[in-house]
Amino acid sequence: MEIKKIQDADSNGKKVLVRVDFNVAIENGQVKEKFKIETAKETIDYLLKKNCKIALISHLGRPGGKLNPEFSLEQIKDVASESLGMKVNFIDDCIGDKVKMALDKLSTEEALLLENVRFHAGDEENSLEFSQELAKNFDIFINDAFSASHRDHASVTGVAKIIPSFAGWRLQKEIMEMEKIKDGFAKPAVAIIGGAKIETKLPVIKFFEKSYDYVLVGGKIANEALDQKIIFNKKVILPVDFIDDRLDIGPETVKKFQEIIQKAQTVVWNGPLGKFEEAKYSHGTMDVFQALLQSTAYKVTGGGETLEILEKNQAFDKFNFVSTGGGAMLECLSGGKMPGIEILKV
């Protein structure tokens, strides 16, 4: 896929708006997941070397187009400074004179973190007027948020129609890895799909059913598939036993999944295999996770709950690639629309 890339941009000394995804888990004011924030560092460092003035824009949660302190990105400022290794200054809006004045004063060794873009209804509505407001203080737009690129929002596609726009380093890596999963993988290839909402997972199961050797299905979607009597081909392996009221996969299923993983050359994992947030229903997920850690296959994973497991077990370096995308990863792999990437095509 040919897209406009950050390295192609005439960015020297420019004012740059960077779409990141800092939509991370926060509990009692504490950031629980730093991975998404850390992935923005390569793009930001590159722009700093070009003497750019940088503003970072993101959403957080679902404030419904209204100001809500619970979803303020100010909570992330200190963690962003630490993760990015630089001073990050918070601005309590993402449009208007406050942004302009802060940019004028900004040194090229710092960055601005703008307030939650979803405090404005115009973002999710992809309003032209709001897109123009976002763009008007900047020379260049960089999309580095793969995990938001399945959204046709002002901060993803709207701005990209107004000022010169390019893919950041992280977005480029995500696209390359998704293409590898789709076409450049070694066999035997295994997909592990868990979590909830069969309607969102079914297209990606169908994709892997066609091209991979095995699709191992667990979690709530396995229950839904069984209840709805969905017919798959023999490559799709549903659980043969459960714990309690189907809240976790059982030992026979775990054993079967582990044997398949042991022989794999490529593994893609998205979603837990049971109600893992409760300790007694986490064994299936964790036993399969341990099998993945021992596997010598090329391993790719993604999804919010999956990232949580990696974070708790400090296991990011045990996987060849960890995607920032959950829904975006599924959408991309199942052939769905990725407006944030489409608009950057050459």
Protein backbone atom coordinates (compact mmCIF):
# COMPACT_ATOMS: atom_id res chain seq x y z
CA MET A 1 0.00 0.00 0.00
CA GLU A 2 1.44 3.37 -1.07
CA ILE A 3 0.69 6.14 1.41
CA LYS A 4 2.06 9.59 2.16
CA LYS A 5 4.68 9.16 4.88
CA ILE A 6 6.18 11.46 7.47
CA GLN A 7 9.60 11.09 5.85
CA ASP A 8 8.15 12.55 2.63
CA ALA A 9 6.90 15.72 4.35
CA ASP A 10 8.64 19.08 4.18
CA SER A 11 8.36 19.41 7.96
CA ASN A 12 11.38 21.56 8.87
CA GLY A 13 10.34 24.26 11.32
CA LYS A 14 6.62 23.63 10.74
CA LYS A 15 3.72 23.61 13.17
CA VAL A 16 2.54 20.01 13.27
CA LEU A 17 -0.68 18.48 14.60
CA VAL A 18 -0.13 14.82 15.50
CA ARG A 19 -3.13 12.52 15.98
CA VAL A 20 -2.14 10.05 18.69
CA ASP A 21 -4.25 7.57 20.62
CA PHE A 22 -3.91 8.28 24.33
CA ASN A 23 -7.27 6.62 25.04
CA VAL A 24 -5.81 4.59 27.90
CA ALA A 25 -7.28 2.99 31.01
CA ILE A 26 -7.36 5.36 34.01
CA GLU A 27 -8.27 4.23 37.50
CA ASN A 28 -8.54 6.68 40.41
CA GLY A 29 -6.65 9.23 38.35
CA GLN A 30 -3.80 6.81 37.64
CA VAL A 31 -2.87 5.74 34.10
CA LYS A 32 -2.97 1.93 33.99
CA GLU A 33 -1.55 1.42 30.50
CA LYS A 34 1.43 3.35 29.07
CA PHE A 35 2.04 1.32 25.90
CA LYS A 36 -0.05 3.46 23.54
CA ILE A 37 1.61 6.62 24.84
CA GLU A 38 5.11 5.17 24.42
CA THR A 39 4.44 4.18 20.79
CA ALA A 40 4.17 7.87 19.80
CA LYS A 41 7.78 8.60 20.82
CA GLU A 42 9.47 7.73 17.50
CA THR A 43 7.30 10.11 15.50
CA ILE A 44 7.62 12.91 18.07
CA ASP A 45 11.41 12.54 18.30
CA TYR A 46 11.65 12.67 14.50
CA LEU A 47 9.66 15.92 14.38
CA LEU A 48 11.68 17.48 17.20
CA LYS A 49 14.86 16.89 15.19
CA LYS A 50 13.18 18.82 12.38
CA ASN A 51 12.66 21.78 14.76
CA CYS A 52 8.90 21.40 14.57
CA LYS A 53 6.38 22.81 17.00
CA ILE A 54 4.23 19.82 17.94
CA ALA A 55 0.71 19.51 19.34
CA LEU A 56 -0.71 16.11 20.23
CA ILE A 57 -4.42 15.47 19.83
CA SER A 58 -6.40 12.47 21.08
CA HIS A 59 -9.73 11.33 22.43
CA LEU A 60 -10.30 9.73 25.84
CA GLY A 61 -13.42 7.72 26.57
CA ARG A 62 -16.88 8.73 25.39
CA PRO A 63 -17.78 12.16 26.77
CA GLY A 64 -20.53 12.55 24.15
CA GLY A 65 -19.40 15.85 22.71
CA LYS A 66 -19.50 17.63 26.09
CA LEU A 67 -16.86 18.84 28.52
CA ASN A 68 -16.45 16.27 31.30
CA PRO A 69 -13.47 16.45 33.71
CA GLU A 70 -13.60 12.64 34.11
CA PHE A 71 -12.32 12.38 30.54
CA SER A 72 -9.80 15.22 30.57
CA LEU A 73 -6.42 14.46 29.03
CA GLU A 74 -4.83 16.61 31.72
CA GLN A 75 -4.74 13.37 33.76
CA ILE A 76 -2.25 11.95 31.26
CA LYS A 77 0.12 14.94 31.06
CA ASP A 78 2.71 13.73 33.59
CA VAL A 79 2.76 10.15 32.30
CA ALA A 80 3.10 11.49 28.74
CA SER A 81 6.09 13.63 29.81
CA GLU A 82 7.72 10.60 31.45
CA SER A 83 6.95 8.17 28.61
CA LEU A 84 8.04 10.54 25.85
CA GLY A 85 11.11 11.82 27.72
CA MET A 86 10.25 15.49 27.28
CA LYS A 87 8.19 18.30 28.77
CA VAL A 88 4.54 18.09 27.73
CA ASN A 89 2.40 21.17 28.30
CA PHE A 90 -1.36 20.70 28.64
CA ILE A 91 -3.80 23.10 26.94
CA ASP A 92 -7.43 22.95 28.04
CA ASP A 93 -8.86 23.13 24.51
CA CYS A 94 -7.90 21.77 21.10
CA ILE A 95 -8.98 24.70 18.94
CA GLY A 96 -8.85 28.49 19.02
CA ASP A 97 -6.56 31.22 20.32
CA LYS A 98 -5.35 29.24 23.36
CA VAL A 99 -3.75 26.72 21.02
CA LYS A 100 -2.32 29.46 18.76
CA MET A 101 -0.74 31.35 21.66
CA ALA A 102 0.68 28.19 23.23
CA LEU A 103 2.23 27.19 19.88
CA ASP A 104 3.80 30.64 19.47
CA LYS A 105 5.47 30.31 22.89
CA LEU A 106 6.41 26.64 22.53
CA SER A 107 10.07 25.66 22.33
CA THR A 108 11.12 22.99 19.86
CA GLU A 109 12.15 20.74 22.75
CA GLU A 110 8.62 20.49 24.15
CA ALA A 111 5.18 19.44 22.95
CA LEU A 112 1.60 20.48 23.62
CA LEU A 113 -1.05 18.01 24.73
CA LEU A 114 -4.42 19.37 23.63
CA GLU A 115 -7.66 18.69 25.49
CA ASN A 116 -9.88 15.72 24.60
CA VAL A 117 -11.07 16.28 21.04
CA ARG A 118 -14.36 14.53 21.83
CA PHE A 119 -15.37 17.36 24.13
CA HIS A 120 -16.51 18.85 20.81
CA ALA A 121 -19.39 17.08 19.06
CA GLY A 122 -17.83 18.10 15.74
CA ASP A 123 -15.14 15.43 16.03
CA GLU A 124 -17.35 12.35 15.83
CA GLU A 125 -19.71 14.18 13.46
CA ASN A 126 -16.70 14.92 11.22
CA SER A 127 -17.94 18.48 10.89
CA LEU A 128 -16.17 20.50 8.19
CA GLU A 129 -16.29 23.62 10.36
CA PHE A 130 -14.68 21.81 13.30
CA SER A 131 -12.06 20.19 11.02
CA GLN A 132 -11.14 23.66 9.77
CA GLU A 133 -10.82 24.92 13.37
CA LEU A 134 -8.52 22.00 14.22
CA ALA A 135 -6.38 22.58 11.14
CA LYS A 136 -6.05 26.35 11.08
CA ASN A 137 -3.22 26.64 13.63
CA PHE A 138 -1.05 24.07 11.82
CA ASP A 139 0.97 23.56 8.64
CA ILE A 140 1.00 19.73 8.61
CA PHE A 141 -1.07 16.87 10.01
CA ILE A 142 0.44 13.52 11.01
CA ASN A 143 -1.78 10.50 11.74
CA ASP A 144 0.02 8.15 14.12
CA ALA A 145 -3.12 6.59 15.62
CA PHE A 146 -3.75 3.26 13.91
CA SER A 147 -6.22 2.37 16.66
CA ALA A 148 -8.43 5.33 15.68
CA SER A 149 -8.01 4.95 11.92
CA HIS A 150 -11.21 2.95 11.46
CA ARG A 151 -13.10 6.10 12.50
CA ASP A 152 -14.21 8.77 10.00
CA HIS A 153 -13.78 11.60 12.49
CA ALA A 154 -12.60 15.20 12.15
CA SER A 155 -9.35 14.48 14.05
CA VAL A 156 -8.62 11.47 11.82
CA THR A 157 -9.89 12.28 8.31
CA GLY A 158 -11.39 15.77 8.47
CA VAL A 159 -8.09 17.59 9.10
CA ALA A 160 -6.37 15.39 6.50
CA LYS A 161 -8.59 16.91 3.79
CA ILE A 162 -7.51 20.44 4.68
CA ILE A 163 -3.74 20.52 5.28
CA PRO A 164 -0.88 18.31 3.97
CA SER A 165 -1.16 14.99 5.80
CA PHE A 166 1.14 12.02 6.33
CA ALA A 167 1.44 8.71 8.20
CA GLY A 168 3.65 8.70 11.29
CA TRP A 169 6.23 6.01 11.98
CA ARG A 170 3.93 3.95 14.21
CA LEU A 171 1.06 3.98 11.72
CA GLN A 172 3.45 2.80 9.01
CA LYS A 173 4.59 -0.13 11.18
CA GLU A 174 1.01 -1.11 11.98
CA ILE A 175 0.06 -1.17 8.30
CA MET A 176 3.13 -3.24 7.42
CA GLU A 177 2.36 -5.80 10.16
CA MET A 178 -1.30 -6.09 9.15
CA GLU A 179 -0.22 -6.75 5.55
CA LYS A 180 2.20 -9.42 6.81
CA ILE A 181 -0.57 -11.12 8.81
CA LYS A 182 -2.81 -11.08 5.75
CA ASP A 183 -0.33 -12.22 3.10
CA GLY A 184 3.25 -12.76 4.24
CA PHE A 185 2.85 -15.28 7.06
CA ALA A 186 4.60 -18.62 7.62
CA LYS A 187 2.56 -21.81 8.06
CA PRO A 188 1.17 -23.44 10.11
CA ALA A 189 -0.65 -20.21 10.95
CA VAL A 190 -2.95 -19.95 13.96
CA ALA A 191 -5.38 -17.21 15.01
CA ILE A 192 -6.69 -17.03 18.58
CA ILE A 193 -9.87 -14.96 18.84
CA GLY A 194 -11.58 -14.27 22.15
CA GLY A 195 -13.51 -11.55 23.92
CA ALA A 196 -17.12 -10.56 23.35
CA LYS A 197 -19.48 -9.43 20.56
CA ILE A 198 -19.70 -12.14 17.92
CA GLU A 199 -21.02 -9.59 15.41
CA THR A 200 -17.69 -7.72 15.48
CA LYS A 201 -15.48 -10.82 15.65
CA LEU A 202 -17.29 -12.97 13.06
CA PRO A 203 -15.83 -11.18 9.99
CA VAL A 204 -12.27 -11.65 11.26
CA ILE A 205 -12.93 -15.31 12.13
CA LYS A 206 -14.20 -15.77 8.56
CA PHE A 207 -11.05 -14.08 7.21
CA PHE A 208 -8.73 -16.38 9.16
CA GLU A 209 -10.91 -19.39 8.35
CA LYS A 210 -10.05 -18.91 4.67
CA SER A 211 -6.31 -18.37 4.96
CA TYR A 212 -5.00 -19.79 8.26
CA ASP A 213 -4.62 -23.41 9.35
CA TYR A 214 -6.47 -23.02 12.66
CA VAL A 215 -8.74 -20.47 14.32
CA LEU A 216 -9.03 -21.06 18.07
CA VAL A 217 -12.15 -19.40 19.48
CA GLY A 218 -12.88 -18.71 23.16
CA GLY A 219 -14.49 -16.14 25.42
CA LYS A 220 -18.05 -14.93 25.16
CA ILE A 221 -17.95 -15.13 21.36
CA ALA A 222 -17.48 -18.90 21.57
CA ASN A 223 -20.66 -19.13 23.67
CA GLU A 224 -22.53 -16.93 21.20
CA ALA A 225 -21.30 -19.00 18.25
CA LEU A 226 -22.51 -22.20 19.95
CA ASP A 227 -25.85 -20.68 20.97
CA GLN A 228 -26.47 -19.32 17.47
CA LYS A 229 -25.35 -22.62 15.92
CA ILE A 230 -22.99 -20.81 13.55
CA ILE A 231 -21.41 -23.21 11.08
CA PHE A 232 -17.66 -22.96 10.51
CA ASN A 233 -15.32 -25.23 8.60
CA LYS A 234 -13.06 -27.69 10.43
CA LYS A 235 -10.26 -25.12 10.79
CA VAL A 236 -12.29 -23.27 13.44
CA ILE A 237 -11.88 -24.93 16.84
CA LEU A 238 -14.58 -24.11 19.40
CA PRO A 239 -14.28 -25.13 23.07
CA VAL A 240 -15.11 -28.75 23.92
CA ASP A 241 -15.46 -28.07 27.66
CA PHE A 242 -15.99 -25.13 30.02
CA ILE A 243 -15.66 -24.02 33.63
CA ASP A 244 -18.90 -23.23 35.48
CA ASP A 245 -21.53 -21.54 33.33
CA ARG A 246 -19.19 -21.29 30.31
CA LEU A 247 -17.24 -18.47 31.99
CA ASP A 248 -13.88 -19.99 31.03
CA ILE A 249 -12.62 -22.65 28.66
CA GLY A 250 -12.02 -26.04 30.27
CA PRO A 251 -8.84 -28.14 30.60
CA GLU A 252 -9.49 -30.30 27.51
CA THR A 253 -9.89 -27.19 25.37
CA VAL A 254 -6.75 -25.64 26.88
CA LYS A 255 -4.77 -28.80 26.11
CA LYS A 256 -6.02 -28.85 22.52
CA PHE A 257 -5.20 -25.17 22.00
CA GLN A 258 -1.72 -25.62 23.50
CA GLU A 259 -0.92 -28.53 21.17
CA ILE A 260 -1.90 -26.47 18.14
CA ILE A 261 0.10 -23.43 19.29
CA GLN A 262 3.17 -25.60 19.87
CA LYS A 263 3.34 -26.47 16.14
CA ALA A 264 2.58 -22.97 14.83
CA GLN A 265 4.96 -20.76 12.84
CA THR A 266 2.65 -17.72 12.96
CA VAL A 267 0.20 -16.79 15.74
CA VAL A 268 -2.22 -13.85 15.89
CA TRP A 269 -4.01 -13.32 19.22
CA ASN A 270 -6.87 -10.93 19.97
CA GLY A 271 -9.00 -11.17 23.11
CA PRO A 272 -9.21 -13.20 26.35
CA LEU A 273 -10.70 -16.71 26.34
CA GLY A 274 -12.88 -16.34 29.44
CA LYS A 275 -14.04 -13.83 32.04
CA PHE A 276 -10.40 -13.29 32.90
CA GLU A 277 -10.95 -10.25 35.12
CA GLU A 278 -12.18 -12.71 37.77
CA ALA A 279 -9.24 -14.82 38.97
CA LYS A 280 -11.07 -18.16 38.97
CA TYR A 281 -12.03 -17.68 35.32
CA SER A 282 -8.60 -16.49 34.15
CA HIS A 283 -6.90 -19.90 33.99
CA GLY A 284 -7.81 -20.71 30.38
CA THR A 285 -6.52 -17.37 29.11
CA MET A 286 -3.37 -17.52 31.22
CA ASP A 287 -2.57 -21.15 30.30
CA VAL A 288 -2.87 -20.31 26.60
CA PHE A 289 -0.84 -17.13 27.23
CA GLN A 290 1.95 -19.25 28.77
CA ALA A 291 1.90 -21.50 25.70
CA LEU A 292 2.34 -18.39 23.56
CA LEU A 293 5.30 -17.23 25.63
CA GLN A 294 6.99 -20.60 25.04
CA SER A 295 6.18 -20.63 21.32
CA THR A 296 8.92 -19.83 18.79
CA ALA A 297 6.31 -18.71 16.23
CA TYR A 298 6.09 -15.19 14.83
CA LYS A 299 3.60 -13.70 17.29
CA VAL A 300 1.34 -10.68 16.84
CA THR A 301 -1.24 -9.49 19.34
CA GLY A 302 -3.55 -6.55 19.95
CA GLY A 303 -6.72 -5.37 21.69
CA GLY A 304 -7.31 -3.49 24.94
CA GLU A 305 -7.84 -6.50 27.22
CA THR A 306 -4.96 -8.35 25.59
CA LEU A 307 -2.66 -5.37 26.19
CA GLU A 308 -3.76 -5.39 29.82
CA ILE A 309 -2.55 -9.00 30.16
CA LEU A 310 0.80 -8.12 28.58
CA GLU A 311 1.19 -5.05 30.79
CA LYS A 312 0.48 -7.01 34.00
CA ASN A 313 2.96 -9.71 33.01
CA GLN A 314 5.60 -7.37 31.50
CA ALA A 315 5.49 -9.48 28.35
CA PHE A 316 5.55 -6.95 25.51
CA ASP A 317 9.03 -8.08 24.48
CA LYS A 318 7.84 -11.70 24.18
CA PHE A 319 5.81 -10.85 21.07
CA ASN A 320 7.20 -9.89 17.68
CA PHE A 321 4.62 -7.13 17.30
CA VAL A 322 2.01 -5.66 19.61
CA SER A 323 -0.66 -3.64 17.83
CA THR A 324 -2.21 -0.59 19.45
CA GLY A 325 -5.47 -1.45 17.72
CA GLY A 326 -8.30 -3.62 19.00
CA GLY A 327 -11.32 -2.74 16.89
CA ALA A 328 -9.05 -1.21 14.25
CA MET A 329 -6.99 -4.38 14.02
CA LEU A 330 -10.13 -6.50 13.54
CA GLU A 331 -11.57 -4.04 11.02
CA CYS A 332 -8.33 -3.98 9.02
CA LEU A 333 -7.90 -7.76 8.97
CA SER A 334 -11.50 -8.45 8.02
CA GLY A 335 -11.36 -6.11 5.05
CA GLY A 336 -13.40 -3.35 6.67
CA LYS A 337 -13.03 0.36 6.01
CA MET A 338 -10.01 2.22 7.41
CA PRO A 339 -10.81 5.86 6.52
CA GLY A 340 -7.77 7.24 8.37
CA ILE A 341 -5.47 5.18 6.15
CA GLU A 342 -7.45 5.49 2.92
CA ILE A 343 -7.18 9.28 2.99
CA LEU A 344 -3.36 9.04 3.14
CA LYS A 345 -3.06 6.89 0.01
CA VAL A 346 -0.93 8.33 -2.75
